[in-house]
Amino acid sequence: MRVDKWLSATNVVKRRTIATDMLKSGVVFVNGMKAKASKDLKVGDKVTIEYLKGAKHYEVLQIPKTKSIPKSQKEDFVKVL
């Protein structure tokens, strides 16, 4: 699954357009490397988002099969590091 789709589907970012803008700005990293929106994620990848107040780190636990998941199931797909 693409990084921008994963960020929005797992409720890390509210909308896919915001995720795409973040990727274009260069604040999203996958396994320590700057990511493009089309980068494919795999289980076990580490995603870092650098905000102004600090960075947030996530680990991909599962790839969602649907466009979005319920917020109550977020822990099944994303691990906050």
Protein backbone atom coordinates (compact mmCIF):
# COMPACT_ATOMS: atom_id res chain seq x y z
CA MET A 1 0.00 0.00 0.00
CA ARG A 2 1.19 3.51 -0.80
CA VAL A 3 2.44 5.66 2.09
CA ASP A 4 -0.16 8.38 1.59
CA LYS A 5 -3.01 5.85 1.53
CA TRP A 6 -1.65 4.08 4.61
CA LEU A 7 -1.37 7.31 6.60
CA SER A 8 -5.00 8.22 5.91
CA ALA A 9 -6.43 4.67 6.12
CA THR A 10 -4.92 4.06 9.57
CA ASN A 11 -6.03 7.46 10.90
CA VAL A 12 -2.48 8.70 11.48
CA VAL A 13 -3.41 11.72 9.32
CA LYS A 14 -7.00 12.92 8.89
CA ARG A 15 -7.08 13.21 5.10
CA ARG A 16 -5.08 11.81 2.21
CA THR A 17 -4.48 15.30 0.79
CA ILE A 18 -2.78 16.27 4.04
CA ALA A 19 -0.63 13.13 3.85
CA THR A 20 0.33 13.95 0.25
CA ASP A 21 1.26 17.52 1.23
CA MET A 22 3.40 16.22 4.10
CA LEU A 23 5.20 13.85 1.73
CA LYS A 24 5.82 16.66 -0.78
CA SER A 25 7.20 18.84 2.03
CA GLY A 26 9.69 16.11 2.94
CA VAL A 27 8.67 15.56 6.56
CA VAL A 28 7.76 11.86 6.18
CA PHE A 29 10.49 9.22 6.33
CA VAL A 30 10.25 5.46 5.80
CA ASN A 31 13.06 3.43 7.39
CA GLY A 32 15.12 6.62 7.77
CA MET A 33 14.84 7.71 4.12
CA LYS A 34 12.69 10.55 2.78
CA ALA A 35 9.56 9.05 1.23
CA LYS A 36 7.52 9.88 -1.85
CA ALA A 37 3.74 9.37 -1.92
CA SER A 38 4.08 6.33 -4.19
CA LYS A 39 6.45 4.45 -1.84
CA ASP A 40 5.04 1.00 -1.01
CA LEU A 41 4.92 0.04 2.65
CA LYS A 42 5.45 -3.45 4.01
CA VAL A 43 4.81 -4.95 7.43
CA GLY A 44 7.65 -3.98 9.77
CA ASP A 45 8.50 -0.66 8.09
CA LYS A 46 9.19 2.30 10.37
CA VAL A 47 7.46 5.58 9.46
CA THR A 48 8.63 8.87 10.97
CA ILE A 49 6.78 12.17 10.69
CA GLU A 50 8.71 15.28 11.70
CA TYR A 51 6.38 17.89 13.15
CA LEU A 52 7.50 21.34 14.34
CA LYS A 53 7.26 20.24 17.98
CA GLY A 54 9.11 16.96 17.45
CA ALA A 55 9.01 13.71 15.54
CA LYS A 56 6.52 10.86 15.85
CA HIS A 57 7.56 7.32 15.04
CA TYR A 58 5.26 4.51 13.89
CA GLU A 59 5.68 0.87 12.94
CA VAL A 60 3.52 -0.86 10.32
CA LEU A 61 1.90 -3.92 11.91
CA GLN A 62 -0.64 -4.72 9.16
CA ILE A 63 -1.69 -3.34 5.82
CA PRO A 64 -5.42 -2.45 5.74
CA LYS A 65 -7.52 -4.11 3.05
CA THR A 66 -10.13 -1.32 3.05
CA LYS A 67 -10.03 2.41 2.36
CA SER A 68 -10.25 3.21 6.08
CA ILE A 69 -10.39 1.35 9.37
CA PRO A 70 -12.35 2.13 12.54
CA LYS A 71 -10.36 4.19 15.04
CA SER A 72 -10.88 1.45 17.62
CA GLN A 73 -8.81 -0.95 15.45
CA LYS A 74 -5.89 1.45 14.93
CA GLU A 75 -3.68 -0.48 17.41
CA ASP A 76 -3.94 -3.58 15.17
CA PHE A 77 -2.37 -1.73 12.24
CA VAL A 78 -0.07 0.90 13.79
CA LYS A 79 2.36 0.77 16.71
CA VAL A 80 3.46 4.12 18.12
CA LEU A 81 7.14 3.95 19.02
